[in-house]
């Protein structure tokens, strides 16, 4: 388990009480790259020809900044500059970040609940029959007076159920990998972590196929009323989080192969695992609310 790269962790006991990093250019560069990204996005949605180019350039610049910025943090950790106080700080930071993600998805689940349980029954009651006589307050309707093209709602079989099995399996493989790391078995850690990444990638492939199926065969689109907008909003943002989680785990796998982390000092691994398990839990909620109810 020991390696030259792990010596920084062994030296963490001699680290300063609380490490204060020196001046960094990365926050400034991150702000500029994000500004460029949003300028490009605003131009894109307003039909400007330069919008997509500027937006993609900003995204690539942001990724590059994050690569070097996180690289500095990893270097500081491996150099033994992080004490237990820094470890605690990272844990609180990741916890609050995941809490913010809970609120993020909570808002979207709230919008779905309001549309299904309040708005549709209200618009379909007898008081509104004079306005929209043919409107039925049932979930998955095409709106009043044919304002939305007919579409077919998405059921739980087969792809959503397969994806559920994939994500639940990935949670198991990640847990096995974590226990292997705590037991000092680096090869086993890497194997099961790689399996988790593969399961996440397969999940994303199935979701991309599901979207193509929805557009081409079910005529289900973002413009398909409140059903289409909430379906793609919730599943799309979740898919983005799976993509981000897969990238995070890939970075962790690279670090494991490089000899980073020890059995008792591996919060980089734990933070990514927390995020992945959160994504799993969100999917279970989506699977029940979106595909079954």
Protein backbone atom coordinates (compact mmCIF):
# COMPACT_ATOMS: atom_id res chain seq x y z
CA UNK A 1 0.00 0.00 0.00
CA UNK A 2 2.85 2.35 0.74
CA UNK A 3 4.33 4.34 -2.10
CA UNK A 4 6.52 7.40 -2.59
CA UNK A 5 3.47 9.45 -3.42
CA UNK A 6 1.85 8.56 -0.11
CA UNK A 7 4.65 10.11 1.97
CA UNK A 8 2.79 13.40 1.95
CA UNK A 9 -0.05 11.82 3.91
CA UNK A 10 2.37 10.42 6.44
CA UNK A 11 3.77 13.90 6.91
CA UNK A 12 0.34 15.41 7.47
CA UNK A 13 0.79 15.02 11.23
CA UNK A 14 3.51 17.67 11.00
CA UNK A 15 1.39 19.97 8.87
CA UNK A 16 0.53 23.46 10.09
CA UNK A 17 -2.50 23.82 12.35
CA UNK A 18 -4.43 25.31 9.45
CA UNK A 19 -2.89 25.64 6.01
CA UNK A 20 -3.41 29.02 4.33
CA UNK A 21 -2.60 28.87 0.61
CA UNK A 22 -0.70 31.68 -1.05
CA UNK A 23 -2.13 34.06 -3.65
CA UNK A 24 -3.63 32.21 -6.61
CA UNK A 25 -4.49 33.35 -10.11
CA UNK A 26 -7.06 30.60 -10.63
CA UNK A 27 -10.08 32.35 -9.04
CA UNK A 28 -9.57 35.30 -11.40
CA UNK A 29 -9.18 33.02 -14.42
CA UNK A 30 -12.24 31.03 -13.35
CA UNK A 31 -14.32 34.19 -13.14
CA UNK A 32 -13.19 35.33 -16.59
CA UNK A 33 -13.82 31.93 -18.19
CA UNK A 34 -17.29 31.69 -16.64
CA UNK A 35 -18.09 35.20 -17.85
CA UNK A 36 -17.03 34.23 -21.37
CA UNK A 37 -19.15 31.08 -21.11
CA UNK A 38 -22.28 33.03 -20.18
CA UNK A 39 -21.68 35.69 -22.84
CA UNK A 40 -21.46 32.92 -25.41
CA UNK A 41 -24.58 31.24 -24.03
CA UNK A 42 -26.57 34.50 -24.19
CA UNK A 43 -25.47 35.02 -27.78
CA UNK A 44 -26.33 31.42 -28.63
CA UNK A 45 -29.91 31.54 -27.32
CA UNK A 46 -30.42 34.86 -29.13
CA UNK A 47 -29.39 33.41 -32.46
CA UNK A 48 -25.97 35.04 -32.78
CA UNK A 49 -23.54 33.13 -35.00
CA UNK A 50 -20.64 33.77 -32.63
CA UNK A 51 -22.56 32.46 -29.61
CA UNK A 52 -21.75 28.72 -29.86
CA UNK A 53 -18.06 29.35 -30.51
CA UNK A 54 -17.66 31.71 -27.55
CA UNK A 55 -19.70 29.43 -25.30
CA UNK A 56 -17.63 26.35 -26.11
CA UNK A 57 -14.39 28.33 -25.74
CA UNK A 58 -15.52 29.49 -22.29
CA UNK A 59 -16.43 25.95 -21.23
CA UNK A 60 -13.05 24.61 -22.36
CA UNK A 61 -11.26 27.45 -20.57
CA UNK A 62 -13.22 26.69 -17.38
CA UNK A 63 -12.28 23.01 -17.58
CA UNK A 64 -8.64 23.96 -18.04
CA UNK A 65 -8.73 26.28 -15.03
CA UNK A 66 -10.31 23.56 -12.88
CA UNK A 67 -7.65 21.09 -14.01
CA UNK A 68 -4.80 23.32 -12.83
CA UNK A 69 -6.63 24.59 -9.74
CA UNK A 70 -7.49 21.11 -8.49
CA UNK A 71 -3.98 20.02 -9.43
CA UNK A 72 -2.58 22.64 -7.05
CA UNK A 73 -4.86 21.37 -4.26
CA UNK A 74 -3.81 17.76 -4.90
CA UNK A 75 -0.16 18.81 -4.86
CA UNK A 76 -0.62 20.58 -1.51
CA UNK A 77 -2.29 17.49 -0.07
CA UNK A 78 0.40 15.13 -1.31
CA UNK A 79 3.09 17.47 0.05
CA UNK A 80 1.70 16.97 3.56
CA UNK A 81 0.44 20.53 4.02
CA UNK A 82 -3.10 19.54 4.99
CA UNK A 83 -3.83 18.85 8.63
CA UNK A 84 -6.92 17.38 10.27
CA UNK A 85 -8.45 20.86 10.29
CA UNK A 86 -8.24 21.07 6.50
CA UNK A 87 -9.74 17.59 6.24
CA UNK A 88 -12.65 18.71 8.42
CA UNK A 89 -13.06 21.86 6.33
CA UNK A 90 -13.30 19.80 3.14
CA UNK A 91 -15.87 17.51 4.72
CA UNK A 92 -18.08 20.41 5.76
CA UNK A 93 -17.68 22.03 2.35
CA UNK A 94 -18.71 18.85 0.52
CA UNK A 95 -21.62 18.35 2.90
CA UNK A 96 -22.96 21.85 2.23
CA UNK A 97 -22.43 21.41 -1.49
CA UNK A 98 -24.52 18.23 -1.47
CA UNK A 99 -27.15 20.03 0.62
CA UNK A 100 -27.32 22.73 -2.05
CA UNK A 101 -27.83 19.99 -4.63
CA UNK A 102 -30.67 18.58 -2.52
CA UNK A 103 -32.32 22.01 -2.64
CA UNK A 104 -31.64 22.22 -6.38
CA UNK A 105 -33.48 18.99 -7.13
CA UNK A 106 -36.05 19.74 -4.44
CA UNK A 107 -37.14 22.81 -6.41
CA UNK A 108 -37.66 20.73 -9.55
CA UNK A 109 -39.52 17.99 -7.69
CA UNK A 110 -41.64 20.76 -6.15
CA UNK A 111 -42.47 22.14 -9.60
CA UNK A 112 -43.49 18.66 -10.74
CA UNK A 113 -45.67 18.16 -7.66
CA UNK A 114 -47.35 21.55 -8.10
CA UNK A 115 -48.14 20.87 -11.75
CA UNK A 116 -49.48 17.37 -11.14
CA UNK A 117 -51.26 17.71 -7.82
CA UNK A 118 -52.50 21.32 -7.91
CA UNK A 119 -52.48 23.02 -11.30
CA UNK A 120 -53.89 20.25 -13.50
CA UNK A 121 -56.79 19.24 -11.21
CA UNK A 122 -57.63 22.91 -10.73
CA UNK A 123 -57.65 23.67 -14.46
CA UNK A 124 -59.69 20.54 -15.15
CA UNK A 125 -62.48 21.18 -12.63
CA UNK A 126 -66.00 22.19 -13.54
CA UNK A 127 -65.34 25.92 -13.06
CA UNK A 128 -63.01 25.91 -16.06
CA UNK A 129 -65.08 23.78 -18.42
CA UNK A 130 -66.50 26.86 -20.11
CA UNK A 131 -63.00 28.01 -21.00
CA UNK A 132 -61.50 24.65 -21.97
CA UNK A 133 -64.36 22.15 -22.37
CA UNK A 134 -62.12 19.40 -23.75
CA UNK A 135 -59.35 19.79 -21.19
CA UNK A 136 -58.78 16.81 -18.88
CA UNK A 137 -56.82 17.44 -15.72
CA UNK A 138 -54.76 14.28 -16.09
CA UNK A 139 -51.00 14.02 -16.03
CA UNK A 140 -49.44 13.69 -19.44
CA UNK A 141 -52.14 15.61 -21.31
CA UNK A 142 -51.41 17.62 -24.44
CA UNK A 143 -52.77 20.90 -23.10
CA UNK A 144 -55.98 22.75 -23.95
CA UNK A 145 -57.29 23.19 -27.49
CA UNK A 146 -54.51 21.12 -29.04
CA UNK A 147 -51.80 23.64 -28.24
CA UNK A 148 -49.27 20.82 -27.85
CA UNK A 149 -48.59 18.11 -30.43
CA UNK A 150 -49.75 14.65 -29.37
CA UNK A 151 -47.06 12.60 -27.63
CA UNK A 152 -46.65 9.36 -25.72
CA UNK A 153 -45.55 9.41 -22.10
CA UNK A 154 -42.46 7.51 -21.01
CA UNK A 155 -42.94 4.23 -19.14
CA UNK A 156 -40.58 2.43 -16.76
CA UNK A 157 -39.63 -0.39 -19.15
CA UNK A 158 -37.14 -1.31 -20.30
CA UNK A 159 -34.49 1.43 -20.25
CA UNK A 160 -35.40 3.27 -17.00
CA UNK A 161 -35.50 -0.03 -15.10
CA UNK A 162 -32.18 -1.11 -16.62
CA UNK A 163 -30.68 2.24 -15.66
CA UNK A 164 -31.97 1.81 -12.12
CA UNK A 165 -30.22 -1.55 -11.89
CA UNK A 166 -27.04 0.01 -13.28
CA UNK A 167 -26.97 2.83 -10.74
CA UNK A 168 -27.81 0.58 -7.81
CA UNK A 169 -25.05 -1.79 -8.92
CA UNK A 170 -22.63 1.13 -9.20
CA UNK A 171 -23.36 2.06 -5.61
CA UNK A 172 -22.41 -1.47 -4.56
CA UNK A 173 -19.20 -1.55 -6.59
CA UNK A 174 -18.18 1.87 -5.24
CA UNK A 175 -18.76 0.70 -1.68
CA UNK A 176 -16.65 -2.40 -2.30
CA UNK A 177 -13.91 -0.16 -3.72
CA UNK A 178 -14.05 2.08 -0.65
CA UNK A 179 -13.76 -0.87 1.74
CA UNK A 180 -10.84 -2.19 -0.29
CA UNK A 181 -9.08 1.17 0.04
CA UNK A 182 -9.63 1.18 3.78
CA UNK A 183 -8.21 -2.34 3.94
CA UNK A 184 -5.11 -1.33 1.98
CA UNK A 185 -5.86 -3.28 -1.22
CA UNK A 186 -5.03 -0.79 -3.94
CA UNK A 187 -5.49 -3.14 -6.92
CA UNK A 188 -8.94 -4.19 -5.70
CA UNK A 189 -9.78 -0.54 -5.08
CA UNK A 190 -8.89 0.39 -8.65
CA UNK A 191 -10.77 -2.57 -10.17
CA UNK A 192 -14.08 -1.88 -8.45
CA UNK A 193 -13.75 1.85 -8.97
CA UNK A 194 -13.23 1.24 -12.69
CA UNK A 195 -16.33 -0.98 -12.67
CA UNK A 196 -18.30 1.89 -11.14
CA UNK A 197 -17.13 4.24 -13.87
CA UNK A 198 -18.12 1.75 -16.58
CA UNK A 199 -21.60 1.37 -15.07
CA UNK A 200 -21.99 5.15 -15.01
CA UNK A 201 -20.90 5.42 -18.63
CA UNK A 202 -23.37 2.70 -19.69
CA UNK A 203 -26.12 4.56 -17.81
CA UNK A 204 -25.37 7.70 -19.81
CA UNK A 205 -25.41 5.73 -23.06
CA UNK A 206 -28.83 4.29 -22.26
CA UNK A 207 -30.16 7.73 -21.35
CA UNK A 208 -28.94 9.18 -24.65
CA UNK A 209 -30.73 6.34 -26.44
CA UNK A 210 -33.86 7.01 -24.38
CA UNK A 211 -33.85 10.65 -25.45
CA UNK A 212 -33.49 9.69 -29.11
CA UNK A 213 -36.36 7.23 -28.71
CA UNK A 214 -38.49 9.90 -27.04
CA UNK A 215 -37.92 12.43 -29.83
CA UNK A 216 -38.15 10.12 -32.83
CA UNK A 217 -40.77 7.58 -31.79
CA UNK A 218 -42.83 9.09 -28.97
CA UNK A 219 -42.79 12.71 -30.18
CA UNK A 220 -41.90 13.62 -26.60
CA UNK A 221 -39.93 16.86 -26.59
CA UNK A 222 -39.10 19.82 -24.39
CA UNK A 223 -42.08 21.57 -25.99
CA UNK A 224 -44.51 18.78 -25.03
CA UNK A 225 -46.26 20.83 -22.39
CA UNK A 226 -45.52 20.67 -18.70
CA UNK A 227 -44.93 16.91 -18.95
CA UNK A 228 -42.16 17.27 -21.51
CA UNK A 229 -40.48 20.20 -19.80
CA UNK A 230 -40.41 18.58 -16.35
CA UNK A 231 -39.38 15.20 -17.76
CA UNK A 232 -36.35 16.55 -19.61
CA UNK A 233 -35.52 19.05 -16.88
CA UNK A 234 -35.35 16.43 -14.13
CA UNK A 235 -33.82 13.56 -16.10
CA UNK A 236 -31.51 15.89 -18.03
CA UNK A 237 -30.07 17.55 -14.94
CA UNK A 238 -29.69 14.14 -13.33
CA UNK A 239 -27.86 12.89 -16.41
CA UNK A 240 -25.56 15.90 -16.17
CA UNK A 241 -24.83 15.01 -12.54
CA UNK A 242 -24.07 11.41 -13.51
CA UNK A 243 -21.67 12.71 -16.15
CA UNK A 244 -19.99 14.99 -13.62
CA UNK A 245 -19.82 12.17 -11.07
CA UNK A 246 -18.26 9.84 -13.62
CA UNK A 247 -15.59 12.45 -14.37
CA UNK A 248 -14.90 12.86 -10.65
CA UNK A 249 -14.54 9.12 -10.16
CA UNK A 250 -12.24 8.92 -13.19
CA UNK A 251 -9.95 11.51 -11.61
CA UNK A 252 -10.01 9.54 -8.36
CA UNK A 253 -9.14 6.35 -10.25
CA UNK A 254 -6.16 8.12 -11.81
CA UNK A 255 -5.04 9.22 -8.36
CA UNK A 256 -5.43 5.70 -6.98
CA UNK A 257 -3.27 4.35 -9.79
CA UNK A 258 -0.70 7.08 -9.07
CA UNK A 259 -0.43 5.90 -5.47
CA UNK A 260 -2.39 8.69 -3.81
CA UNK A 261 -4.54 8.07 -0.70
CA UNK A 262 -3.93 5.86 2.30
CA UNK A 263 -6.24 3.68 4.33
CA UNK A 264 -6.90 6.46 6.83
CA UNK A 265 -6.49 9.56 4.64
CA UNK A 266 -8.53 9.57 1.44
CA UNK A 267 -11.20 12.23 1.58
CA UNK A 268 -10.84 12.89 -2.15
CA UNK A 269 -12.22 9.40 -2.67
CA UNK A 270 -14.88 9.81 0.00
CA UNK A 271 -16.10 13.15 -1.33
CA UNK A 272 -16.60 11.71 -4.82
CA UNK A 273 -18.33 8.68 -3.29
CA UNK A 274 -20.70 10.90 -1.31
CA UNK A 275 -21.63 12.70 -4.50
CA UNK A 276 -22.19 9.44 -6.40
CA UNK A 277 -24.44 7.99 -3.71
CA UNK A 278 -26.44 11.24 -3.70
CA UNK A 279 -26.92 10.90 -7.46
CA UNK A 280 -28.12 7.31 -6.91
CA UNK A 281 -30.71 8.43 -4.36
CA UNK A 282 -32.00 11.19 -6.64
CA UNK A 283 -32.44 8.68 -9.44
CA UNK A 284 -34.56 6.42 -7.24
CA UNK A 285 -36.89 9.35 -6.63
CA UNK A 286 -36.99 10.14 -10.34
CA UNK A 287 -37.62 6.52 -11.25
CA UNK A 288 -40.70 6.36 -9.03
CA UNK A 289 -42.14 9.83 -9.65
CA UNK A 290 -41.37 10.22 -13.36
CA UNK A 291 -41.74 6.73 -14.75
CA UNK A 292 -44.21 4.98 -12.43
CA UNK A 293 -46.63 7.56 -11.02
